[in-house]
Amino acid sequence: MVLPIVVGVDGSEPSLRAVDWAADEAALRGLPLRLVYASLWERYEGESLAEDLGKPSELVTAEDIVRTAAQRARLRRPDVAVSTDVLPEEPEYALVHEGHTASALVLGTRGRSGFVEMLLGSVSLTVAAHADCPVIVLRGSHDNQIRAGVRGRIVVGIGEKAADSAALRFAVEEAKQRHATLDAVRAWRCPAHETTDHPLLAGEPARLHEQHASEVLDKALKDAPADVDLRRRTVEGPARRVLLDASHEADLLVVGARRNPGHLGLQLGRVAHAVLHHSACAVAVVPEQV
């Protein structure tokens, strides 16, 4: 079964840029594209109906939104099959449900300034925390370059349990499809209680932690395909800061999020949460099973 790339659209410019990005991605992967608008408009419409059409006025608007988005996608990528749907559901619930039969979910966001932007950010965070497929969130980047292949670089964060990592597999596939360099980054830190002022021992704790980071990286990448332009990097510092720094030179930052089936709350670690809020490029959150 061929699973589509699904985009959440709402008529905003960020969501239309998400359509562009997703259309490019669908063309790269040879996948169909599905555009979804979701809202519980009937709760708020009252008597404001489009009586001549026999439909709620917001439904008419929603259909216009998905139709315009579909036209944009077809003009950009005529070879991609595009379908649309308008769903009478809360956006978070609808998009998480769509993720059950999607190869990836793509969302746009306006950032964090203003009430509307905060609401959109809440949708992105909720979907990224609960979807069981990769979720790509396109942030309003510092140079507005929200499209595939600008810099030719994918960054993936390598965690402590990176063996057989879904995030790494996703990043490798992205790098192959885009003919991009893959930066596999492992952050490391020397705990403060292990440091010493003795000049003969000062470098030893740091060396051991860096060596461990290098071993974790080597283990994670031992089966990486030879046809990927791969760059291994161990960097001292908190993982959040290291990955955010790397995002300024990347087209896509890939991080894993471990899913615990018995846990009902947000299932995003501190690193994934931080990069979703602050990354300078698009972020892919890839679910990892515990």
Protein backbone atom coordinates (compact mmCIF):
# COMPACT_ATOMS: atom_id res chain seq x y z
CA MET A 1 0.00 0.00 0.00
CA VAL A 2 1.37 3.42 -1.00
CA LEU A 3 0.92 5.86 1.88
CA PRO A 4 0.53 9.56 1.03
CA ILE A 5 2.26 12.58 2.46
CA VAL A 6 -0.43 14.49 4.37
CA VAL A 7 -0.44 18.27 4.82
CA GLY A 8 -2.58 20.20 7.27
CA VAL A 9 -3.86 23.35 5.50
CA ASP A 10 -5.75 26.35 6.89
CA GLY A 11 -5.34 28.99 4.18
CA SER A 12 -2.45 30.78 5.88
CA GLU A 13 0.79 31.53 4.08
CA PRO A 14 2.76 29.16 6.35
CA SER A 15 0.40 26.31 5.47
CA LEU A 16 0.74 27.09 1.76
CA ARG A 17 4.53 26.96 2.11
CA ALA A 18 4.02 23.59 3.77
CA VAL A 19 2.09 22.51 0.67
CA ASP A 20 5.05 23.55 -1.50
CA TRP A 21 7.50 21.64 0.67
CA ALA A 22 5.31 18.55 0.79
CA ALA A 23 4.73 18.60 -2.98
CA ASP A 24 8.49 18.61 -3.52
CA GLU A 25 8.88 15.77 -1.02
CA ALA A 26 6.12 13.74 -2.67
CA ALA A 27 7.78 14.21 -6.06
CA LEU A 28 11.14 13.05 -4.66
CA ARG A 29 9.62 9.93 -3.13
CA GLY A 30 7.07 9.17 -5.85
CA LEU A 31 4.19 9.42 -3.37
CA PRO A 32 0.68 10.92 -3.55
CA LEU A 33 -0.15 14.11 -1.67
CA ARG A 34 -3.21 14.52 0.56
CA LEU A 35 -4.34 17.98 1.72
CA VAL A 36 -6.54 18.13 4.82
CA TYR A 37 -8.48 20.96 6.43
CA ALA A 38 -9.95 20.13 9.85
CA SER A 39 -12.20 22.25 12.07
CA LEU A 40 -15.25 21.91 14.31
CA TRP A 41 -16.90 24.85 12.57
CA GLU A 42 -20.47 23.73 13.34
CA ARG A 43 -19.87 24.46 17.02
CA TYR A 44 -19.40 28.16 16.28
CA GLU A 45 -21.41 28.84 13.13
CA GLY A 46 -24.83 29.39 14.73
CA GLU A 47 -27.19 30.85 12.13
CA SER A 48 -24.45 32.04 9.79
CA LEU A 49 -25.10 29.59 6.97
CA ALA A 50 -24.52 29.75 3.25
CA GLU A 51 -28.22 29.11 2.61
CA ASP A 52 -27.98 29.13 -1.15
CA LEU A 53 -25.59 26.16 -0.99
CA GLY A 54 -27.18 24.51 2.01
CA LYS A 55 -23.82 24.38 3.81
CA PRO A 56 -22.24 26.16 6.79
CA SER A 57 -20.31 29.20 5.54
CA GLU A 58 -17.08 27.95 7.07
CA LEU A 59 -17.46 24.69 5.17
CA VAL A 60 -17.64 26.69 1.95
CA THR A 61 -14.50 28.56 3.00
CA ALA A 62 -12.74 25.31 3.91
CA GLU A 63 -13.51 23.81 0.52
CA ASP A 64 -12.11 26.94 -1.12
CA ILE A 65 -8.97 26.61 1.00
CA VAL A 66 -8.25 23.00 0.05
CA ARG A 67 -9.12 23.66 -3.60
CA THR A 68 -6.67 26.58 -3.75
CA ALA A 69 -3.98 24.53 -2.01
CA ALA A 70 -4.50 21.65 -4.45
CA GLN A 71 -4.17 23.99 -7.43
CA ARG A 72 -0.94 25.33 -5.99
CA ALA A 73 0.46 21.81 -5.49
CA ARG A 74 -0.50 20.70 -9.02
CA LEU A 75 1.08 23.77 -10.58
CA ARG A 76 4.28 23.17 -8.62
CA ARG A 77 4.45 19.41 -9.19
CA PRO A 78 2.14 18.30 -12.05
CA ASP A 79 3.41 14.72 -11.74
CA VAL A 80 2.16 14.31 -8.13
CA ALA A 81 -1.32 12.87 -7.50
CA VAL A 82 -3.22 15.27 -5.19
CA SER A 83 -6.35 14.60 -3.15
CA THR A 84 -8.18 16.80 -0.62
CA ASP A 85 -10.54 16.41 2.32
CA VAL A 86 -12.43 18.64 4.76
CA LEU A 87 -12.92 17.01 8.15
CA PRO A 88 -15.38 18.11 10.88
CA GLU A 89 -12.93 17.38 13.70
CA GLU A 90 -10.47 19.14 15.96
CA PRO A 91 -7.24 19.67 13.97
CA GLU A 92 -5.06 17.83 16.49
CA TYR A 93 -7.26 14.74 16.55
CA ALA A 94 -7.80 14.71 12.79
CA LEU A 95 -4.11 15.00 11.94
CA VAL A 96 -2.99 12.40 14.46
CA HIS A 97 -5.62 10.06 12.99
CA GLU A 98 -4.40 10.85 9.47
CA GLY A 99 -0.94 9.80 10.59
CA HIS A 100 -2.11 6.19 10.91
CA THR A 101 -2.21 5.93 7.11
CA ALA A 102 0.45 8.49 6.09
CA SER A 103 4.12 8.19 5.23
CA ALA A 104 4.59 11.61 6.88
CA LEU A 105 2.62 14.60 8.15
CA VAL A 106 3.70 18.12 7.14
CA LEU A 107 2.64 21.22 9.08
CA GLY A 108 3.36 24.91 8.74
CA THR A 109 3.73 27.24 11.70
CA ARG A 110 3.94 30.99 12.07
CA GLY A 111 6.26 30.88 15.06
CA ARG A 112 5.45 32.06 18.57
CA SER A 113 4.44 35.72 18.34
CA GLY A 114 0.75 36.44 18.84
CA PHE A 115 -2.27 34.45 20.01
CA VAL A 116 -3.05 32.78 16.67
CA GLU A 117 0.55 31.68 16.28
CA MET A 118 0.46 30.17 19.77
CA LEU A 119 -2.60 28.14 18.82
CA LEU A 120 -0.93 26.88 15.66
CA GLY A 121 2.14 26.04 17.68
CA SER A 122 -0.04 24.03 20.05
CA VAL A 123 -1.42 21.98 17.15
CA SER A 124 2.09 21.30 15.82
CA LEU A 125 3.37 20.23 19.23
CA THR A 126 0.40 17.96 19.92
CA VAL A 127 0.61 16.25 16.54
CA ALA A 128 4.39 15.83 16.78
CA ALA A 129 3.96 14.32 20.25
CA HIS A 130 1.33 11.75 19.32
CA ALA A 131 1.47 10.86 15.61
CA ASP A 132 2.81 7.42 14.78
CA CYS A 133 4.48 8.59 11.56
CA PRO A 134 7.18 11.23 11.01
CA VAL A 135 5.94 14.80 11.51
CA ILE A 136 7.71 17.59 9.63
CA VAL A 137 7.14 21.07 11.06
CA LEU A 138 8.18 23.93 8.80
CA ARG A 139 9.18 26.86 10.91
CA GLY A 140 9.36 30.41 9.56
CA SER A 141 13.11 30.26 9.09
CA HIS A 142 15.51 33.18 9.43
CA ASP A 143 15.81 33.54 5.63
CA ASN A 144 12.31 32.32 4.67
CA GLN A 145 13.85 29.48 2.64
CA ILE A 146 11.15 26.91 3.37
CA ARG A 147 11.73 24.55 0.48
CA ALA A 148 13.68 21.38 -0.07
CA GLY A 149 17.32 21.36 -1.10
CA VAL A 150 18.50 24.92 -0.41
CA ARG A 151 21.65 23.99 1.48
CA GLY A 152 22.09 20.34 0.57
CA ARG A 153 22.48 19.22 4.18
CA ILE A 154 20.42 17.04 6.53
CA VAL A 155 21.24 16.95 10.27
CA VAL A 156 20.23 14.05 12.50
CA GLY A 157 20.69 13.96 16.25
CA ILE A 158 22.11 10.65 17.51
CA GLY A 159 20.80 9.63 20.93
CA GLU A 160 22.20 7.20 23.47
CA LYS A 161 19.99 4.37 22.13
CA ALA A 162 20.58 5.03 18.46
CA ALA A 163 20.94 1.40 17.30
CA ASP A 164 18.18 0.60 14.80
CA SER A 165 16.92 4.19 15.08
CA ALA A 166 13.87 5.12 13.01
CA ALA A 167 15.05 8.75 13.04
CA LEU A 168 18.40 7.74 11.55
CA ARG A 169 16.72 5.59 8.88
CA PHE A 170 14.46 8.51 7.98
CA ALA A 171 17.41 10.90 7.77
CA VAL A 172 19.42 8.50 5.60
CA GLU A 173 16.50 8.16 3.19
CA GLU A 174 16.06 11.94 3.03
CA ALA A 175 19.76 12.43 2.29
CA LYS A 176 19.65 9.79 -0.46
CA GLN A 177 16.55 11.24 -2.10
CA ARG A 178 17.95 14.78 -2.05
CA HIS A 179 21.58 13.83 -2.83
CA ALA A 180 22.43 15.78 0.32
CA THR A 181 25.18 15.49 2.91
CA LEU A 182 24.04 13.80 6.10
CA ASP A 183 25.46 15.24 9.33
CA ALA A 184 25.14 12.68 12.14
CA VAL A 185 25.69 14.64 15.35
CA ARG A 186 26.26 13.25 18.82
CA ALA A 187 26.41 15.83 21.63
CA TRP A 188 28.34 15.10 24.80
CA ARG A 189 29.01 16.79 28.11
CA CYS A 190 31.39 16.32 30.98
CA PRO A 191 29.38 16.49 34.23
CA ALA A 192 30.59 19.25 36.55
CA HIS A 193 31.27 16.87 39.43
CA GLU A 194 33.81 14.99 37.27
CA THR A 195 36.00 17.97 36.52
CA THR A 196 39.19 18.63 38.45
CA ASP A 197 41.61 21.50 38.79
CA HIS A 198 44.66 19.24 38.87
CA PRO A 199 46.69 20.03 35.71
CA LEU A 200 47.59 16.36 35.14
CA LEU A 201 43.95 15.17 35.30
CA ALA A 202 41.98 18.09 33.92
CA GLY A 203 41.49 16.61 30.45
CA GLU A 204 40.77 12.99 31.40
CA PRO A 205 37.01 13.16 32.21
CA ALA A 206 36.32 15.11 29.05
CA ARG A 207 38.35 12.69 26.93
CA LEU A 208 36.41 9.71 28.28
CA HIS A 209 33.03 11.31 27.59
CA GLU A 210 34.06 12.32 24.08
CA GLN A 211 35.34 8.81 23.45
CA HIS A 212 32.00 7.35 24.59
CA ALA A 213 30.14 9.75 22.28
CA SER A 214 32.33 8.62 19.40
CA GLU A 215 31.60 4.97 20.19
CA VAL A 216 27.84 5.60 20.29
CA LEU A 217 28.10 7.36 16.93
CA ASP A 218 30.13 4.55 15.35
CA LYS A 219 27.68 1.92 16.59
CA ALA A 220 24.69 3.83 15.23
CA LEU A 221 26.30 4.35 11.82
CA LYS A 222 27.92 0.95 11.32
CA ASP A 223 25.27 -0.11 8.76
CA ALA A 224 24.92 3.26 7.02
CA PRO A 225 24.79 2.81 3.23
CA ALA A 226 27.96 3.60 1.34
CA ASP A 227 26.15 5.77 -1.22
CA VAL A 228 25.30 8.45 1.38
CA ASP A 229 27.65 11.40 1.85
CA LEU A 230 27.98 10.97 5.60
CA ARG A 231 29.73 13.25 8.08
CA ARG A 232 30.20 12.09 11.68
CA ARG A 233 30.48 14.76 14.38
CA THR A 234 30.83 14.69 18.16
CA VAL A 235 30.25 18.11 19.69
CA GLU A 236 30.62 19.19 23.31
CA GLY A 237 27.57 20.86 24.77
CA PRO A 238 23.88 20.33 25.59
CA ALA A 239 22.12 18.43 22.79
CA ARG A 240 19.53 21.18 22.37
CA ARG A 241 22.16 23.87 21.79
CA VAL A 242 24.30 21.66 19.55
CA LEU A 243 21.39 20.75 17.28
CA LEU A 244 20.00 24.28 17.16
CA ASP A 245 23.42 25.58 16.10
CA ALA A 246 23.57 22.91 13.38
CA SER A 247 20.08 23.84 12.12
CA HIS A 248 21.37 27.16 10.74
CA GLU A 249 23.25 25.29 8.00
CA ALA A 250 20.65 22.59 7.26
CA ASP A 251 17.56 22.02 5.16
CA LEU A 252 16.11 19.59 7.68
CA LEU A 253 16.85 18.66 11.29
CA VAL A 254 15.78 15.12 12.26
CA VAL A 255 15.21 14.04 15.86
CA GLY A 256 13.63 10.98 17.42
CA ALA A 257 10.79 10.95 19.96
CA ARG A 258 10.31 7.80 22.01
CA ARG A 259 6.72 6.59 22.22
CA ASN A 260 5.44 4.85 25.33
CA PRO A 261 2.12 3.15 24.44
CA GLY A 262 0.90 3.31 28.03
CA HIS A 263 1.61 7.02 28.46
CA LEU A 264 -1.18 9.50 27.63
CA GLY A 265 0.68 12.81 27.99
CA LEU A 266 2.87 14.65 25.50
CA GLN A 267 5.55 12.27 24.31
CA LEU A 268 8.23 14.72 23.32
CA GLY A 269 11.60 14.84 25.02
CA ARG A 270 13.25 18.12 25.96
CA VAL A 271 15.44 18.10 22.86
CA ALA A 272 12.55 17.58 20.41
CA HIS A 273 10.46 20.20 22.23
CA ALA A 274 13.30 22.75 22.08
CA VAL A 275 14.11 22.30 18.40
CA LEU A 276 10.44 22.50 17.41
CA HIS A 277 10.30 25.92 19.07
CA HIS A 278 13.65 27.34 18.01
CA SER A 279 15.14 25.55 14.97
CA ALA A 280 16.27 27.71 12.06
CA CYS A 281 15.15 25.03 9.55
CA ALA A 282 12.39 22.47 9.13
CA VAL A 283 12.22 19.81 11.86
CA ALA A 284 11.25 16.15 11.40
CA VAL A 285 10.15 14.38 14.58
CA VAL A 286 10.30 10.63 14.03
CA PRO A 287 8.59 8.29 16.51
CA GLU A 288 10.78 5.67 18.19
CA GLN A 289 9.16 2.79 20.05
CA VAL A 290 10.31 2.23 23.62
